[in-house]
């Protein structure tokens, strides 16, 4: 994994995209956005990301379905699943698919930044 902090935010809620993008950019991250699973698929095939923030409910597929499709392309990325509707089944399935953390909306900006930094550090240490 490179030291570049490149984040792909995948969410169909424009206010979430704007808010997360602004917070992450202010903290030194390069940010790209996708509003659909299809758009995210195209992006991960063309570029490597250090972090993916994946909303569970996308207009064209569930976040877990997207994760299954991109798993091989993003094996070194930190993957965070975000949902407004937490469930044990979703959490379990997401973890089985290699998600690094499961976050319930609303997400506090400081907590998101701390979690991303912790997971990036863990990933970097485990890849040595």
N, C-alpha and C. Protein backbone atom coordinates (compact mmCIF):
# COMPACT_ATOMS: atom_id res chain seq x y z
N UNK A 1 0.85 -1.19 0.00
CA UNK A 1 0.00 0.00 0.00
C UNK A 1 0.88 1.24 0.00
N UNK A 2 0.53 2.20 -0.78
CA UNK A 2 1.33 3.42 -0.84
C UNK A 2 1.02 4.29 0.38
N UNK A 3 1.86 5.30 0.60
CA UNK A 3 1.62 6.22 1.70
C UNK A 3 0.61 7.29 1.32
N UNK A 4 0.22 7.33 0.05
CA UNK A 4 -0.80 8.29 -0.37
C UNK A 4 -2.09 7.97 0.35
N UNK A 5 -2.75 9.01 0.83
CA UNK A 5 -4.01 8.81 1.54
C UNK A 5 -5.14 9.17 0.58
N UNK A 6 -5.54 8.19 -0.21
CA UNK A 6 -6.57 8.41 -1.22
C UNK A 6 -7.83 7.66 -0.79
N UNK A 7 -8.91 8.39 -0.65
CA UNK A 7 -10.16 7.82 -0.15
C UNK A 7 -11.21 7.85 -1.24
N UNK A 8 -11.94 6.73 -1.36
CA UNK A 8 -13.12 6.69 -2.23
C UNK A 8 -14.34 6.58 -1.33
N UNK A 9 -15.20 7.59 -1.40
CA UNK A 9 -16.44 7.59 -0.64
C UNK A 9 -17.55 7.13 -1.57
N UNK A 10 -18.25 6.07 -1.19
CA UNK A 10 -19.31 5.50 -2.02
C UNK A 10 -20.62 5.64 -1.26
N UNK A 11 -21.43 6.60 -1.68
CA UNK A 11 -22.70 6.88 -0.99
C UNK A 11 -23.59 7.64 -1.96
N UNK A 12 -24.88 7.35 -1.95
CA UNK A 12 -25.80 8.06 -2.85
C UNK A 12 -26.35 9.34 -2.24
N UNK A 13 -26.02 9.61 -0.99
CA UNK A 13 -26.48 10.81 -0.31
C UNK A 13 -25.46 11.93 -0.54
N UNK A 14 -25.85 12.92 -1.34
CA UNK A 14 -24.93 13.99 -1.70
C UNK A 14 -24.42 14.76 -0.49
N UNK A 15 -25.26 14.92 0.53
CA UNK A 15 -24.80 15.66 1.72
C UNK A 15 -23.74 14.86 2.47
N UNK A 16 -23.85 13.54 2.50
CA UNK A 16 -22.82 12.70 3.12
C UNK A 16 -21.53 12.82 2.32
N UNK A 17 -21.64 12.74 1.00
CA UNK A 17 -20.46 12.87 0.14
C UNK A 17 -19.75 14.20 0.38
N UNK A 18 -20.51 15.28 0.39
CA UNK A 18 -19.93 16.62 0.60
C UNK A 18 -19.27 16.73 1.97
N UNK A 19 -19.98 16.30 3.01
CA UNK A 19 -19.49 16.42 4.38
C UNK A 19 -18.22 15.60 4.58
N UNK A 20 -18.26 14.31 4.22
CA UNK A 20 -17.08 13.45 4.40
C UNK A 20 -15.92 13.96 3.55
N UNK A 21 -16.22 14.39 2.34
CA UNK A 21 -15.18 14.88 1.44
C UNK A 21 -14.48 16.10 2.05
N UNK A 22 -15.25 17.03 2.55
CA UNK A 22 -14.70 18.25 3.14
C UNK A 22 -13.83 17.92 4.36
N UNK A 23 -14.34 17.05 5.24
CA UNK A 23 -13.61 16.67 6.45
C UNK A 23 -12.29 15.99 6.10
N UNK A 24 -12.35 15.05 5.19
CA UNK A 24 -11.15 14.29 4.82
C UNK A 24 -10.13 15.17 4.09
N UNK A 25 -10.61 16.00 3.18
CA UNK A 25 -9.70 16.88 2.43
C UNK A 25 -8.98 17.84 3.38
N UNK A 26 -9.70 18.37 4.38
CA UNK A 26 -9.09 19.27 5.36
C UNK A 26 -8.01 18.56 6.17
N UNK A 27 -8.07 17.26 6.23
CA UNK A 27 -7.12 16.48 7.02
C UNK A 27 -6.09 15.76 6.16
N UNK A 28 -5.88 16.26 4.94
CA UNK A 28 -4.78 15.78 4.12
C UNK A 28 -5.08 14.60 3.22
N UNK A 29 -6.33 14.22 3.11
CA UNK A 29 -6.68 13.09 2.24
C UNK A 29 -7.07 13.60 0.86
N UNK A 30 -6.72 12.83 -0.15
CA UNK A 30 -7.24 13.07 -1.49
C UNK A 30 -8.54 12.28 -1.57
N UNK A 31 -9.60 12.91 -2.03
CA UNK A 31 -10.92 12.28 -1.99
C UNK A 31 -11.54 12.17 -3.38
N UNK A 32 -12.08 11.00 -3.65
CA UNK A 32 -12.92 10.79 -4.83
C UNK A 32 -14.25 10.27 -4.34
N UNK A 33 -15.28 10.43 -5.17
CA UNK A 33 -16.62 10.03 -4.76
C UNK A 33 -17.29 9.21 -5.85
N UNK A 34 -18.18 8.33 -5.40
CA UNK A 34 -19.03 7.56 -6.31
C UNK A 34 -20.41 7.50 -5.67
N UNK A 35 -21.44 7.69 -6.50
CA UNK A 35 -22.81 7.67 -5.99
C UNK A 35 -23.52 6.34 -6.21
N UNK A 36 -22.89 5.45 -6.99
CA UNK A 36 -23.49 4.14 -7.25
C UNK A 36 -22.42 3.06 -7.16
N UNK A 37 -22.87 1.84 -7.01
CA UNK A 37 -21.93 0.72 -7.02
C UNK A 37 -21.22 0.61 -8.35
N UNK A 38 -21.94 0.82 -9.43
CA UNK A 38 -21.35 0.74 -10.77
C UNK A 38 -20.23 1.76 -10.94
N UNK A 39 -20.47 2.97 -10.49
CA UNK A 39 -19.45 4.02 -10.58
C UNK A 39 -18.22 3.64 -9.73
N UNK A 40 -18.46 3.08 -8.56
CA UNK A 40 -17.36 2.66 -7.69
C UNK A 40 -16.56 1.54 -8.35
N UNK A 41 -17.25 0.59 -8.98
CA UNK A 41 -16.57 -0.51 -9.68
C UNK A 41 -15.61 0.04 -10.73
N UNK A 42 -16.08 1.00 -11.52
CA UNK A 42 -15.24 1.59 -12.56
C UNK A 42 -14.02 2.28 -11.95
N UNK A 43 -14.21 2.98 -10.85
CA UNK A 43 -13.11 3.72 -10.23
C UNK A 43 -12.05 2.78 -9.66
N UNK A 44 -12.46 1.71 -8.97
CA UNK A 44 -11.46 0.82 -8.35
C UNK A 44 -10.70 0.00 -9.39
N UNK A 45 -11.27 -0.13 -10.57
CA UNK A 45 -10.56 -0.84 -11.63
C UNK A 45 -9.46 0.03 -12.24
N UNK A 46 -9.60 1.36 -12.11
CA UNK A 46 -8.66 2.30 -12.72
C UNK A 46 -7.63 2.85 -11.74
N UNK A 47 -7.91 2.76 -10.45
CA UNK A 47 -7.04 3.42 -9.47
C UNK A 47 -7.01 2.66 -8.15
N UNK A 48 -5.91 2.79 -7.44
CA UNK A 48 -5.79 2.19 -6.11
C UNK A 48 -6.18 3.22 -5.05
N UNK A 49 -6.87 2.75 -4.04
CA UNK A 49 -7.30 3.61 -2.93
C UNK A 49 -6.74 3.05 -1.64
N UNK A 50 -6.46 3.95 -0.70
CA UNK A 50 -6.00 3.48 0.60
C UNK A 50 -7.19 3.25 1.53
N UNK A 51 -8.32 3.94 1.28
CA UNK A 51 -9.51 3.81 2.12
C UNK A 51 -10.75 3.83 1.24
N UNK A 52 -11.70 2.94 1.56
CA UNK A 52 -13.01 2.97 0.93
C UNK A 52 -14.06 3.10 2.01
N UNK A 53 -14.93 4.11 1.89
CA UNK A 53 -16.08 4.28 2.77
C UNK A 53 -17.29 3.85 1.96
N UNK A 54 -17.88 2.73 2.32
CA UNK A 54 -18.93 2.13 1.50
C UNK A 54 -20.27 2.16 2.24
N UNK A 55 -21.23 2.88 1.68
CA UNK A 55 -22.57 2.89 2.25
C UNK A 55 -23.23 1.54 1.96
N UNK A 56 -23.99 1.03 2.92
CA UNK A 56 -24.63 -0.26 2.71
C UNK A 56 -25.73 -0.18 1.64
N UNK A 57 -26.52 0.88 1.67
CA UNK A 57 -27.64 1.00 0.73
C UNK A 57 -27.27 1.94 -0.41
N UNK A 58 -27.00 1.35 -1.55
CA UNK A 58 -26.72 2.12 -2.76
C UNK A 58 -27.90 1.94 -3.71
N UNK A 59 -28.09 2.86 -4.66
CA UNK A 59 -29.26 2.76 -5.53
C UNK A 59 -29.27 1.52 -6.43
N UNK A 60 -28.09 1.00 -6.78
CA UNK A 60 -28.06 -0.11 -7.74
C UNK A 60 -27.61 -1.44 -7.13
N UNK A 61 -27.13 -1.45 -5.90
CA UNK A 61 -26.74 -2.69 -5.23
C UNK A 61 -26.46 -2.39 -3.76
N UNK A 62 -26.38 -3.46 -2.98
CA UNK A 62 -26.01 -3.28 -1.58
C UNK A 62 -24.50 -3.17 -1.47
N UNK A 63 -24.04 -2.49 -0.45
CA UNK A 63 -22.61 -2.32 -0.24
C UNK A 63 -21.87 -3.65 -0.12
N UNK A 64 -22.53 -4.65 0.48
CA UNK A 64 -21.88 -5.96 0.60
C UNK A 64 -21.72 -6.62 -0.77
N UNK A 65 -22.68 -6.41 -1.66
CA UNK A 65 -22.56 -6.94 -3.03
C UNK A 65 -21.41 -6.26 -3.77
N UNK A 66 -21.30 -4.94 -3.58
CA UNK A 66 -20.20 -4.20 -4.19
C UNK A 66 -18.87 -4.73 -3.65
N UNK A 67 -18.81 -4.93 -2.36
CA UNK A 67 -17.57 -5.41 -1.75
C UNK A 67 -17.15 -6.77 -2.32
N UNK A 68 -18.13 -7.64 -2.54
CA UNK A 68 -17.82 -8.94 -3.15
C UNK A 68 -17.21 -8.76 -4.54
N UNK A 69 -17.74 -7.81 -5.30
CA UNK A 69 -17.28 -7.60 -6.68
C UNK A 69 -15.90 -6.95 -6.76
N UNK A 70 -15.56 -6.13 -5.77
CA UNK A 70 -14.29 -5.39 -5.83
C UNK A 70 -13.23 -5.95 -4.89
N UNK A 71 -13.57 -6.97 -4.16
CA UNK A 71 -12.68 -7.49 -3.11
C UNK A 71 -11.25 -7.70 -3.59
N UNK A 72 -11.06 -8.31 -4.75
CA UNK A 72 -9.71 -8.58 -5.26
C UNK A 72 -8.96 -7.29 -5.63
N UNK A 73 -9.69 -6.28 -6.08
CA UNK A 73 -9.07 -5.00 -6.49
C UNK A 73 -8.66 -4.14 -5.31
N UNK A 74 -9.25 -4.38 -4.14
CA UNK A 74 -9.03 -3.48 -3.00
C UNK A 74 -8.50 -4.22 -1.77
N UNK A 75 -7.79 -5.30 -2.00
CA UNK A 75 -7.35 -6.13 -0.87
C UNK A 75 -6.45 -5.37 0.11
N UNK A 76 -5.68 -4.39 -0.36
CA UNK A 76 -4.79 -3.64 0.53
C UNK A 76 -5.43 -2.38 1.11
N UNK A 77 -6.64 -2.07 0.71
CA UNK A 77 -7.30 -0.85 1.19
C UNK A 77 -8.02 -1.11 2.51
N UNK A 78 -8.15 -0.05 3.30
CA UNK A 78 -8.99 -0.09 4.48
C UNK A 78 -10.42 0.06 3.98
N UNK A 79 -11.29 -0.86 4.38
CA UNK A 79 -12.67 -0.86 3.92
C UNK A 79 -13.61 -0.65 5.11
N UNK A 80 -14.39 0.42 5.06
CA UNK A 80 -15.32 0.74 6.13
C UNK A 80 -16.74 0.74 5.59
N UNK A 81 -17.62 -0.04 6.20
CA UNK A 81 -19.03 -0.10 5.80
C UNK A 81 -19.82 0.85 6.69
N UNK A 82 -20.63 1.69 6.06
CA UNK A 82 -21.43 2.67 6.78
C UNK A 82 -22.91 2.36 6.55
N UNK A 83 -23.69 2.37 7.62
CA UNK A 83 -25.11 2.10 7.46
C UNK A 83 -25.95 2.91 8.44
N UNK A 84 -27.15 3.21 8.03
CA UNK A 84 -28.11 3.85 8.91
C UNK A 84 -29.03 2.82 9.54
N UNK A 85 -28.94 1.58 9.06
CA UNK A 85 -29.80 0.50 9.53
C UNK A 85 -28.96 -0.68 10.00
N UNK A 86 -28.39 -0.56 11.20
CA UNK A 86 -27.50 -1.63 11.66
C UNK A 86 -28.26 -2.94 11.93
N UNK A 87 -27.60 -4.04 11.60
CA UNK A 87 -28.16 -5.35 11.92
C UNK A 87 -27.01 -6.33 12.13
N UNK A 88 -27.26 -7.34 12.92
CA UNK A 88 -26.25 -8.34 13.19
C UNK A 88 -25.89 -9.09 11.91
N UNK A 89 -26.89 -9.40 11.08
CA UNK A 89 -26.62 -10.11 9.82
C UNK A 89 -25.73 -9.29 8.90
N UNK A 90 -26.03 -8.01 8.76
CA UNK A 90 -25.22 -7.14 7.91
C UNK A 90 -23.79 -7.05 8.44
N UNK A 91 -23.67 -6.82 9.73
CA UNK A 91 -22.34 -6.72 10.33
C UNK A 91 -21.53 -7.99 10.12
N UNK A 92 -22.18 -9.12 10.31
CA UNK A 92 -21.50 -10.40 10.14
C UNK A 92 -21.08 -10.63 8.69
N UNK A 93 -22.00 -10.34 7.76
CA UNK A 93 -21.68 -10.53 6.34
C UNK A 93 -20.55 -9.59 5.91
N UNK A 94 -20.60 -8.35 6.37
CA UNK A 94 -19.56 -7.38 6.01
C UNK A 94 -18.20 -7.84 6.54
N UNK A 95 -18.17 -8.33 7.76
CA UNK A 95 -16.91 -8.81 8.33
C UNK A 95 -16.39 -10.02 7.57
N UNK A 96 -17.29 -10.91 7.16
CA UNK A 96 -16.90 -12.08 6.38
C UNK A 96 -16.28 -11.67 5.04
N UNK A 97 -16.70 -10.52 4.51
CA UNK A 97 -16.20 -10.04 3.22
C UNK A 97 -14.94 -9.19 3.36
N UNK A 98 -14.43 -9.08 4.57
CA UNK A 98 -13.16 -8.38 4.76
C UNK A 98 -13.26 -6.92 5.13
N UNK A 99 -14.41 -6.50 5.61
CA UNK A 99 -14.57 -5.11 6.01
C UNK A 99 -13.71 -4.89 7.27
N UNK A 100 -13.08 -3.74 7.37
CA UNK A 100 -12.22 -3.46 8.52
C UNK A 100 -12.98 -2.87 9.70
N UNK A 101 -14.11 -2.22 9.41
CA UNK A 101 -14.94 -1.66 10.48
C UNK A 101 -16.33 -1.40 9.93
N UNK A 102 -17.27 -1.39 10.84
CA UNK A 102 -18.68 -1.22 10.54
C UNK A 102 -19.13 0.00 11.32
N UNK A 103 -19.61 1.04 10.63
CA UNK A 103 -19.94 2.31 11.27
C UNK A 103 -21.43 2.58 11.10
N UNK A 104 -22.07 3.03 12.19
CA UNK A 104 -23.49 3.35 12.16
C UNK A 104 -23.66 4.87 12.06
N UNK A 105 -24.53 5.29 11.10
CA UNK A 105 -24.85 6.71 10.94
C UNK A 105 -25.72 7.14 12.11
N UNK A 106 -25.66 8.38 12.55
CA UNK A 106 -24.79 9.44 12.03
C UNK A 106 -23.35 9.24 12.51
N UNK A 107 -22.43 9.60 11.64
CA UNK A 107 -21.01 9.43 11.91
C UNK A 107 -20.43 10.77 12.38
N UNK A 108 -19.76 10.74 13.53
CA UNK A 108 -19.11 11.96 14.03
C UNK A 108 -17.78 12.12 13.30
N UNK A 109 -17.51 13.31 12.77
CA UNK A 109 -16.28 13.53 11.99
C UNK A 109 -15.00 13.12 12.72
N UNK A 110 -14.88 13.50 13.99
CA UNK A 110 -13.66 13.16 14.74
C UNK A 110 -13.50 11.65 14.86
N UNK A 111 -14.60 10.96 15.13
CA UNK A 111 -14.54 9.50 15.27
C UNK A 111 -14.17 8.84 13.94
N UNK A 112 -14.69 9.37 12.84
CA UNK A 112 -14.35 8.84 11.52
C UNK A 112 -12.86 8.99 11.24
N UNK A 113 -12.32 10.17 11.50
CA UNK A 113 -10.89 10.41 11.27
C UNK A 113 -10.01 9.52 12.14
N UNK A 114 -10.38 9.37 13.40
CA UNK A 114 -9.61 8.51 14.30
C UNK A 114 -9.65 7.07 13.80
N UNK A 115 -10.83 6.60 13.42
CA UNK A 115 -10.97 5.23 12.94
C UNK A 115 -10.15 5.00 11.67
N UNK A 116 -10.23 5.92 10.72
CA UNK A 116 -9.46 5.78 9.48
C UNK A 116 -7.97 5.74 9.77
N UNK A 117 -7.50 6.64 10.62
CA UNK A 117 -6.07 6.67 10.95
C UNK A 117 -5.63 5.38 11.64
N UNK A 118 -6.45 4.89 12.57
CA UNK A 118 -6.12 3.64 13.27
C UNK A 118 -6.04 2.48 12.29
N UNK A 119 -7.03 2.39 11.41
CA UNK A 119 -7.07 1.26 10.46
C UNK A 119 -5.94 1.35 9.44
N UNK A 120 -5.60 2.55 9.00
CA UNK A 120 -4.47 2.71 8.07
C UNK A 120 -3.16 2.28 8.74
N UNK A 121 -3.00 2.66 9.99
CA UNK A 121 -1.79 2.27 10.74
C UNK A 121 -1.73 0.76 10.90
N UNK A 122 -2.84 0.15 11.27
CA UNK A 122 -2.89 -1.32 11.42
C UNK A 122 -2.56 -2.00 10.10
N UNK A 123 -3.12 -1.50 9.01
CA UNK A 123 -2.91 -2.09 7.68
C UNK A 123 -1.43 -1.99 7.29
N UNK A 124 -0.85 -0.81 7.54
CA UNK A 124 0.55 -0.59 7.20
C UNK A 124 1.45 -1.53 7.99
N UNK A 125 1.15 -1.72 9.28
CA UNK A 125 1.95 -2.62 10.12
C UNK A 125 1.80 -4.08 9.69
N UNK A 126 0.60 -4.46 9.31
CA UNK A 126 0.37 -5.86 8.92
C UNK A 126 0.95 -6.18 7.54
N UNK A 127 1.21 -5.15 6.73
CA UNK A 127 1.76 -5.38 5.38
C UNK A 127 3.29 -5.33 5.35
N UNK A 128 3.91 -5.14 6.49
CA UNK A 128 5.38 -5.09 6.53
C UNK A 128 5.98 -6.45 6.34
